[in-house]
């Protein structure tokens, strides 16, 4: 499974909150450069970025902030136990 940041929704949320990229970086706990690169599609968000963003943007959910590039597999409990 691969996640991509939903950049337009993230930027809209930042705008609604009045947050700059520097503000977001501080709330997430990453560098301003990392936020800059992720928001411009130059870098994929890492685990620390994802966890920090979910914590900083509590009103938004995982499905709001991220796009699943491959759908999650559906299966029964039997298949999972194999």
PDB file of N, CA and C in Angstrom:
ATOM      1  N   UNK A   1       0.844  -1.173   0.000  1.00  0.00           N
ATOM      2  CA  UNK A   1       0.000   0.000   0.000  1.00  0.00           C
ATOM      3  C   UNK A   1       0.891   1.238   0.000  1.00  0.00           C
ATOM      4  N   UNK A   2       0.512   2.181  -0.808  1.00  0.00           N
ATOM      5  CA  UNK A   2       1.287   3.403  -0.894  1.00  0.00           C
ATOM      6  C   UNK A   2       0.370   4.600  -0.694  1.00  0.00           C
ATOM      7  N   UNK A   3       0.835   5.566   0.075  1.00  0.00           N
ATOM      8  CA  UNK A   3       0.074   6.774   0.357  1.00  0.00           C
ATOM      9  C   UNK A   3       0.711   7.966  -0.329  1.00  0.00           C
ATOM     10  N   UNK A   4      -0.122   8.848  -0.827  1.00  0.00           N
ATOM     11  CA  UNK A   4       0.343  10.139  -1.314  1.00  0.00           C
ATOM     12  C   UNK A   4      -0.437  11.207  -0.581  1.00  0.00           C
ATOM     13  N   UNK A   5       0.217  12.290  -0.284  1.00  0.00           N
ATOM     14  CA  UNK A   5      -0.443  13.395   0.387  1.00  0.00           C
ATOM     15  C   UNK A   5      -1.461  14.034  -0.542  1.00  0.00           C
ATOM     16  N   UNK A   6      -2.652  14.305  -0.036  1.00  0.00           N
ATOM     17  CA  UNK A   6      -3.654  15.048  -0.788  1.00  0.00           C
ATOM     18  C   UNK A   6      -3.288  16.522  -0.607  1.00  0.00           C
ATOM     19  N   UNK A   7      -2.437  17.016  -1.481  1.00  0.00           N
ATOM     20  CA  UNK A   7      -1.861  18.353  -1.344  1.00  0.00           C
ATOM     21  C   UNK A   7      -2.932  19.441  -1.349  1.00  0.00           C
ATOM     22  N   UNK A   8      -3.896  19.430  -2.281  1.00  0.00           N
ATOM     23  CA  UNK A   8      -4.908  20.500  -2.252  1.00  0.00           C
ATOM     24  C   UNK A   8      -5.703  20.550  -0.948  1.00  0.00           C
ATOM     25  N   UNK A   9      -6.088  19.397  -0.413  1.00  0.00           N
ATOM     26  CA  UNK A   9      -6.844  19.386   0.851  1.00  0.00           C
ATOM     27  C   UNK A   9      -5.980  19.855   2.008  1.00  0.00           C
ATOM     28  N   UNK A  10      -4.711  19.469   2.000  1.00  0.00           N
ATOM     29  CA  UNK A  10      -3.799  19.899   3.057  1.00  0.00           C
ATOM     30  C   UNK A  10      -3.605  21.406   3.009  1.00  0.00           C
ATOM     31  N   UNK A  11      -3.408  21.934   1.816  1.00  0.00           N
ATOM     32  CA  UNK A  11      -3.223  23.378   1.673  1.00  0.00           C
ATOM     33  C   UNK A  11      -4.494  24.142   2.049  1.00  0.00           C
ATOM     34  N   UNK A  12      -5.654  23.596   1.715  1.00  0.00           N
ATOM     35  CA  UNK A  12      -6.916  24.227   2.092  1.00  0.00           C
ATOM     36  C   UNK A  12      -7.063  24.257   3.610  1.00  0.00           C
ATOM     37  N   UNK A  13      -6.714  23.160   4.260  1.00  0.00           N
ATOM     38  CA  UNK A  13      -6.778  23.090   5.718  1.00  0.00           C
ATOM     39  C   UNK A  13      -5.831  24.124   6.335  1.00  0.00           C
ATOM     40  N   UNK A  14      -4.631  24.224   5.792  1.00  0.00           N
ATOM     41  CA  UNK A  14      -3.663  25.207   6.290  1.00  0.00           C
ATOM     42  C   UNK A  14      -4.222  26.621   6.134  1.00  0.00           C
ATOM     43  N   UNK A  15      -4.840  26.891   5.004  1.00  0.00           N
ATOM     44  CA  UNK A  15      -5.416  28.213   4.750  1.00  0.00           C
ATOM     45  C   UNK A  15      -6.522  28.528   5.755  1.00  0.00           C
ATOM     46  N   UNK A  16      -7.395  27.542   5.999  1.00  0.00           N
ATOM     47  CA  UNK A  16      -8.483  27.731   6.962  1.00  0.00           C
ATOM     48  C   UNK A  16      -7.963  28.011   8.364  1.00  0.00           C
ATOM     49  N   UNK A  17      -6.852  27.379   8.720  1.00  0.00           N
ATOM     50  CA  UNK A  17      -6.262  27.553  10.047  1.00  0.00           C
ATOM     51  C   UNK A  17      -5.341  28.767  10.119  1.00  0.00           C
ATOM     52  N   UNK A  18      -5.000  29.337   8.963  1.00  0.00           N
ATOM     53  CA  UNK A  18      -4.069  30.461   8.932  1.00  0.00           C
ATOM     54  C   UNK A  18      -2.630  30.049   9.166  1.00  0.00           C
ATOM     55  N   UNK A  19      -2.315  28.803   8.784  1.00  0.00           N
ATOM     56  CA  UNK A  19      -0.968  28.269   8.992  1.00  0.00           C
ATOM     57  C   UNK A  19      -0.101  28.481   7.766  1.00  0.00           C
ATOM     58  N   UNK A  20       1.129  28.893   7.989  1.00  0.00           N
ATOM     59  CA  UNK A  20       2.140  28.927   6.940  1.00  0.00           C
ATOM     60  C   UNK A  20       2.814  27.554   6.886  1.00  0.00           C
ATOM     61  N   UNK A  21       3.683  27.363   5.921  1.00  0.00           N
ATOM     62  CA  UNK A  21       4.446  26.112   5.855  1.00  0.00           C
ATOM     63  C   UNK A  21       5.331  25.963   7.087  1.00  0.00           C
ATOM     64  N   UNK A  22       5.858  27.084   7.577  1.00  0.00           N
ATOM     65  CA  UNK A  22       6.694  27.042   8.784  1.00  0.00           C
ATOM     66  C   UNK A  22       5.855  26.627   9.996  1.00  0.00           C
ATOM     67  N   UNK A  23       4.621  27.128  10.071  1.00  0.00           N
ATOM     68  CA  UNK A  23       3.731  26.733  11.168  1.00  0.00           C
ATOM     69  C   UNK A  23       3.458  25.233  11.122  1.00  0.00           C
ATOM     70  N   UNK A  24       3.154  24.733   9.923  1.00  0.00           N
ATOM     71  CA  UNK A  24       2.866  23.314   9.773  1.00  0.00           C
ATOM     72  C   UNK A  24       4.082  22.479  10.154  1.00  0.00           C
ATOM     73  N   UNK A  25       5.251  22.898   9.716  1.00  0.00           N
ATOM     74  CA  UNK A  25       6.480  22.173  10.045  1.00  0.00           C
ATOM     75  C   UNK A  25       6.674  22.089  11.555  1.00  0.00           C
ATOM     76  N   UNK A  26       6.421  23.189  12.248  1.00  0.00           N
ATOM     77  CA  UNK A  26       6.570  23.201  13.708  1.00  0.00           C
ATOM     78  C   UNK A  26       5.567  22.260  14.361  1.00  0.00           C
ATOM     79  N   UNK A  27       4.325  22.269  13.883  1.00  0.00           N
ATOM     80  CA  UNK A  27       3.289  21.420  14.471  1.00  0.00           C
ATOM     81  C   UNK A  27       3.555  19.933  14.210  1.00  0.00           C
ATOM     82  N   UNK A  28       4.123  19.627  13.032  1.00  0.00           N
ATOM     83  CA  UNK A  28       4.426  18.245  12.687  1.00  0.00           C
ATOM     84  C   UNK A  28       5.712  17.768  13.366  1.00  0.00           C
ATOM     85  N   UNK A  29       6.654  18.682  13.546  1.00  0.00           N
ATOM     86  CA  UNK A  29       7.937  18.316  14.123  1.00  0.00           C
ATOM     87  C   UNK A  29       8.963  17.932  13.076  1.00  0.00           C
ATOM     88  N   UNK A  30       8.834  18.534  11.885  1.00  0.00           N
ATOM     89  CA  UNK A  30       9.801  18.303  10.804  1.00  0.00           C
ATOM     90  C   UNK A  30      10.328  19.656  10.339  1.00  0.00           C
ATOM     91  N   UNK A  31      11.294  19.630   9.446  1.00  0.00           N
ATOM     92  CA  UNK A  31      11.877  20.878   8.962  1.00  0.00           C
ATOM     93  C   UNK A  31      10.957  21.582   7.967  1.00  0.00           C
ATOM     94  N   UNK A  32      11.155  22.898   7.848  1.00  0.00           N
ATOM     95  CA  UNK A  32      10.401  23.680   6.866  1.00  0.00           C
ATOM     96  C   UNK A  32      10.707  23.202   5.449  1.00  0.00           C
ATOM     97  N   UNK A  33      11.949  22.806   5.219  1.00  0.00           N
ATOM     98  CA  UNK A  33      12.356  22.314   3.899  1.00  0.00           C
ATOM     99  C   UNK A  33      11.591  21.046   3.545  1.00  0.00           C
ATOM    100  N   UNK A  34      11.417  20.169   4.513  1.00  0.00           N
ATOM    101  CA  UNK A  34      10.684  18.922   4.258  1.00  0.00           C
ATOM    102  C   UNK A  34       9.234  19.231   3.891  1.00  0.00           C
ATOM    103  N   UNK A  35       8.586  20.131   4.629  1.00  0.00           N
ATOM    104  CA  UNK A  35       7.206  20.510   4.321  1.00  0.00           C
ATOM    105  C   UNK A  35       7.141  21.124   2.930  1.00  0.00           C
ATOM    106  N   UNK A  36       8.065  22.015   2.623  1.00  0.00           N
ATOM    107  CA  UNK A  36       8.117  22.658   1.308  1.00  0.00           C
ATOM    108  C   UNK A  36       8.180  21.604   0.201  1.00  0.00           C
ATOM    109  N   UNK A  37       9.069  20.653   0.346  1.00  0.00           N
ATOM    110  CA  UNK A  37       9.266  19.628  -0.693  1.00  0.00           C
ATOM    111  C   UNK A  37       8.061  18.702  -0.832  1.00  0.00           C
ATOM    112  N   UNK A  38       7.468  18.313   0.287  1.00  0.00           N
ATOM    113  CA  UNK A  38       6.304  17.422   0.242  1.00  0.00           C
ATOM    114  C   UNK A  38       5.123  18.146  -0.396  1.00  0.00           C
ATOM    115  N   UNK A  39       4.890  19.409  -0.020  1.00  0.00           N
ATOM    116  CA  UNK A  39       3.750  20.151  -0.567  1.00  0.00           C
ATOM    117  C   UNK A  39       3.907  20.481  -2.050  1.00  0.00           C
ATOM    118  N   UNK A  40       5.098  20.375  -2.568  1.00  0.00           N
ATOM    119  CA  UNK A  40       5.336  20.613  -3.996  1.00  0.00           C
ATOM    120  C   UNK A  40       5.525  19.319  -4.784  1.00  0.00           C
ATOM    121  N   UNK A  41       5.325  18.204  -4.114  1.00  0.00           N
ATOM    122  CA  UNK A  41       5.422  16.919  -4.774  1.00  0.00           C
ATOM    123  C   UNK A  41       6.837  16.483  -5.095  1.00  0.00           C
ATOM    124  N   UNK A  42       7.810  17.126  -4.484  1.00  0.00           N
ATOM    125  CA  UNK A  42       9.214  16.794  -4.734  1.00  0.00           C
ATOM    126  C   UNK A  42       9.700  15.648  -3.857  1.00  0.00           C
ATOM    127  N   UNK A  43       8.924  15.346  -2.815  1.00  0.00           N
ATOM    128  CA  UNK A  43       9.312  14.296  -1.876  1.00  0.00           C
ATOM    129  C   UNK A  43       8.048  13.650  -1.314  1.00  0.00           C
ATOM    130  N   UNK A  44       8.094  12.352  -1.123  1.00  0.00           N
ATOM    131  CA  UNK A  44       6.973  11.642  -0.508  1.00  0.00           C
ATOM    132  C   UNK A  44       7.055  11.828   1.007  1.00  0.00           C
ATOM    133  N   UNK A  45       5.914  11.918   1.670  1.00  0.00           N
ATOM    134  CA  UNK A  45       5.949  12.047   3.130  1.00  0.00           C
ATOM    135  C   UNK A  45       6.413  10.756   3.783  1.00  0.00           C
ATOM    136  N   UNK A  46       7.288  10.893   4.750  1.00  0.00           N
ATOM    137  CA  UNK A  46       7.763   9.735   5.503  1.00  0.00           C
ATOM    138  C   UNK A  46       6.847   9.457   6.684  1.00  0.00           C
ATOM    139  N   UNK A  47       7.159   8.426   7.431  1.00  0.00           N
ATOM    140  CA  UNK A  47       6.337   8.031   8.577  1.00  0.00           C
ATOM    141  C   UNK A  47       6.199   9.137   9.608  1.00  0.00           C
ATOM    142  N   UNK A  48       7.300   9.827   9.900  1.00  0.00           N
ATOM    143  CA  UNK A  48       7.261  10.918  10.884  1.00  0.00           C
ATOM    144  C   UNK A  48       6.342  12.036  10.398  1.00  0.00           C
ATOM    145  N   UNK A  49       6.427  12.372   9.118  1.00  0.00           N
ATOM    146  CA  UNK A  49       5.585  13.413   8.530  1.00  0.00           C
ATOM    147  C   UNK A  49       4.116  13.004   8.616  1.00  0.00           C
ATOM    148  N   UNK A  50       3.815  11.772   8.227  1.00  0.00           N
ATOM    149  CA  UNK A  50       2.430  11.278   8.227  1.00  0.00           C
ATOM    150  C   UNK A  50       1.849  11.307   9.637  1.00  0.00           C
ATOM    151  N   UNK A  51       2.591  10.772  10.599  1.00  0.00           N
ATOM    152  CA  UNK A  51       2.114  10.738  11.987  1.00  0.00           C
ATOM    153  C   UNK A  51       1.929  12.146  12.537  1.00  0.00           C
ATOM    154  N   UNK A  52       2.879  13.022  12.257  1.00  0.00           N
ATOM    155  CA  UNK A  52       2.791  14.403  12.732  1.00  0.00           C
ATOM    156  C   UNK A  52       1.633  15.151  12.111  1.00  0.00           C
ATOM    157  N   UNK A  53       1.404  14.930  10.828  1.00  0.00           N
ATOM    158  CA  UNK A  53       0.308  15.606  10.138  1.00  0.00           C
ATOM    159  C   UNK A  53      -1.032  15.143  10.690  1.00  0.00           C
ATOM    160  N   UNK A  54      -1.188  13.856  10.903  1.00  0.00           N
ATOM    161  CA  UNK A  54      -2.431  13.333  11.472  1.00  0.00           C
ATOM    162  C   UNK A  54      -2.670  13.898  12.872  1.00  0.00           C
ATOM    163  N   UNK A  55      -1.614  14.079  13.638  1.00  0.00           N
ATOM    164  CA  UNK A  55      -1.738  14.644  14.976  1.00  0.00           C
ATOM    165  C   UNK A  55      -2.079  16.132  14.918  1.00  0.00           C
ATOM    166  N   UNK A  56      -1.434  16.858  14.023  1.00  0.00           N
ATOM    167  CA  UNK A  56      -1.652  18.305  13.905  1.00  0.00           C
ATOM    168  C   UNK A  56      -3.014  18.633  13.310  1.00  0.00           C
ATOM    169  N   UNK A  57      -3.512  17.773  12.460  1.00  0.00           N
ATOM    170  CA  UNK A  57      -4.773  18.020  11.740  1.00  0.00           C
ATOM    171  C   UNK A  57      -5.830  17.039  12.221  1.00  0.00           C
ATOM    172  N   UNK A  58      -6.108  17.046  13.495  1.00  0.00           N
ATOM    173  CA  UNK A  58      -7.004  16.055  14.102  1.00  0.00           C
ATOM    174  C   UNK A  58      -8.416  16.071  13.523  1.00  0.00           C
ATOM    175  N   UNK A  59      -8.858  17.229  13.027  1.00  0.00           N
ATOM    176  CA  UNK A  59     -10.204  17.306  12.446  1.00  0.00           C
ATOM    177  C   UNK A  59     -10.299  16.561  11.115  1.00  0.00           C
ATOM    178  N   UNK A  60      -9.166  16.331  10.509  1.00  0.00           N
ATOM    179  CA  UNK A  60      -9.111  15.626   9.230  1.00  0.00           C
ATOM    180  C   UNK A  60      -8.753  14.164   9.515  1.00  0.00           C
ATOM    181  N   UNK A  61      -9.206  13.279   8.677  1.00  0.00           N
ATOM    182  CA  UNK A  61      -8.884  11.872   8.824  1.00  0.00           C
ATOM    183  C   UNK A  61      -7.836  11.433   7.815  1.00  0.00           C
ATOM    184  N   UNK A  62      -7.391  10.219   7.960  1.00  0.00           N
ATOM    185  CA  UNK A  62      -6.408   9.645   7.051  1.00  0.00           C
ATOM    186  C   UNK A  62      -6.906   9.704   5.606  1.00  0.00           C
ATOM    187  N   UNK A  63      -8.202   9.398   5.410  1.00  0.00           N
ATOM    188  CA  UNK A  63      -8.758   9.401   4.055  1.00  0.00           C
ATOM    189  C   UNK A  63      -8.892  10.804   3.477  1.00  0.00           C
ATOM    190  N   UNK A  64      -8.920  11.822   4.339  1.00  0.00           N
ATOM    191  CA  UNK A  64      -8.979  13.203   3.864  1.00  0.00           C
ATOM    192  C   UNK A  64      -7.599  13.706   3.463  1.00  0.00           C
ATOM    193  N   UNK A  65      -6.613  13.391   4.256  1.00  0.00           N
ATOM    194  CA  UNK A  65      -5.275  13.932   4.053  1.00  0.00           C
ATOM    195  C   UNK A  65      -4.432  13.149   3.049  1.00  0.00           C
ATOM    196  N   UNK A  66      -4.771  11.888   2.842  1.00  0.00           N
ATOM    197  CA  UNK A  66      -3.940  11.050   1.988  1.00  0.00           C
ATOM    198  C   UNK A  66      -4.764  10.336   0.933  1.00  0.00           C
ATOM    199  N   UNK A  67      -4.108  10.013  -0.145  1.00  0.00           N
ATOM    200  CA  UNK A  67      -4.714   9.262  -1.242  1.00  0.00           C
ATOM    201  C   UNK A  67      -4.029   7.902  -1.272  1.00  0.00           C
ATOM    202  N   UNK A  68      -4.830   6.853  -1.248  1.00  0.00           N
ATOM    203  CA  UNK A  68      -4.287   5.507  -1.351  1.00  0.00           C
ATOM    204  C   UNK A  68      -4.114   5.198  -2.835  1.00  0.00           C
ATOM    205  N   UNK A  69      -2.875   5.033  -3.268  1.00  0.00           N
ATOM    206  CA  UNK A  69      -2.605   4.803  -4.686  1.00  0.00           C
ATOM    207  C   UNK A  69      -3.019   3.416  -5.130  1.00  0.00           C
ATOM    208  N   UNK A  70      -3.036   2.481  -4.215  1.00  0.00           N
ATOM    209  CA  UNK A  70      -3.525   1.140  -4.500  1.00  0.00           C
ATOM    210  C   UNK A  70      -4.589   0.839  -3.469  1.00  0.00           C
ATOM    211  N   UNK A  71      -5.753   0.386  -3.888  1.00  0.00           N
ATOM    212  CA  UNK A  71      -6.802   0.106  -2.902  1.00  0.00           C
ATOM    213  C   UNK A  71      -6.376  -0.994  -1.948  1.00  0.00           C
ATOM    214  N   UNK A  72      -6.886  -0.897  -0.739  1.00  0.00           N
ATOM    215  CA  UNK A  72      -6.601  -1.936   0.243  1.00  0.00           C
ATOM    216  C   UNK A  72      -7.295  -3.226  -0.175  1.00  0.00           C
ATOM    217  N   UNK A  73      -6.629  -4.357  -0.007  1.00  0.00           N
ATOM    218  CA  UNK A  73      -7.273  -5.624  -0.391  1.00  0.00           C
ATOM    219  C   UNK A  73      -8.422  -5.955   0.539  1.00  0.00           C
ATOM    220  N   UNK A  74      -9.455  -6.524  -0.028  1.00  0.00           N
ATOM    221  CA  UNK A  74     -10.582  -7.006   0.762  1.00  0.00           C
ATOM    222  C   UNK A  74     -10.418  -8.493   0.947  1.00  0.00           C
ATOM    223  N   UNK A  75     -10.752  -8.961   2.099  1.00  0.00           N
ATOM    224  CA  UNK A  75     -10.619 -10.382   2.332  1.00  0.00           C
ATOM    225  C   UNK A  75     -11.346 -10.797   3.583  1.00  0.00           C
ATOM    226  N   UNK A  76     -11.551 -12.080   3.703  1.00  0.00           N
ATOM    227  CA  UNK A  76     -12.203 -12.606   4.900  1.00  0.00           C
ATOM    228  C   UNK A  76     -11.136 -12.860   5.956  1.00  0.00           C
ATOM    229  N   UNK A  77     -11.569 -13.071   7.150  1.00  0.00           N
ATOM    230  CA  UNK A  77     -10.655 -13.372   8.242  1.00  0.00           C
ATOM    231  C   UNK A  77      -9.864 -14.637   7.960  1.00  0.00           C
ATOM    232  N   UNK A  78     -10.451 -15.567   7.200  1.00  0.00           N
ATOM    233  CA  UNK A  78      -9.793 -16.830   6.866  1.00  0.00           C
ATOM    234  C   UNK A  78      -8.535 -16.567   6.035  1.00  0.00           C
ATOM    235  N   UNK A  79      -8.640 -15.670   5.073  1.00  0.00           N
ATOM    236  CA  UNK A  79      -7.494 -15.373   4.210  1.00  0.00           C
ATOM    237  C   UNK A  79      -6.378 -14.700   4.987  1.00  0.00           C
ATOM    238  N   UNK A  80      -6.752 -13.867   5.947  1.00  0.00           N
ATOM    239  CA  UNK A  80      -5.757 -13.152   6.744  1.00  0.00           C
ATOM    240  C   UNK A  80      -4.965 -14.117   7.620  1.00  0.00           C
ATOM    241  N   UNK A  81      -5.607 -15.196   8.079  1.00  0.00           N
ATOM    242  CA  UNK A  81      -4.951 -16.114   9.002  1.00  0.00           C
ATOM    243  C   UNK A  81      -3.991 -17.062   8.314  1.00  0.00           C
ATOM    244  N   UNK A  82      -4.017 -17.158   7.012  1.00  0.00           N
ATOM    245  CA  UNK A  82      -3.129 -18.110   6.325  1.00  0.00           C
ATOM    246  C   UNK A  82      -1.710 -17.732   6.432  1.00  0.00           C
TER     247      UNK A  82
END
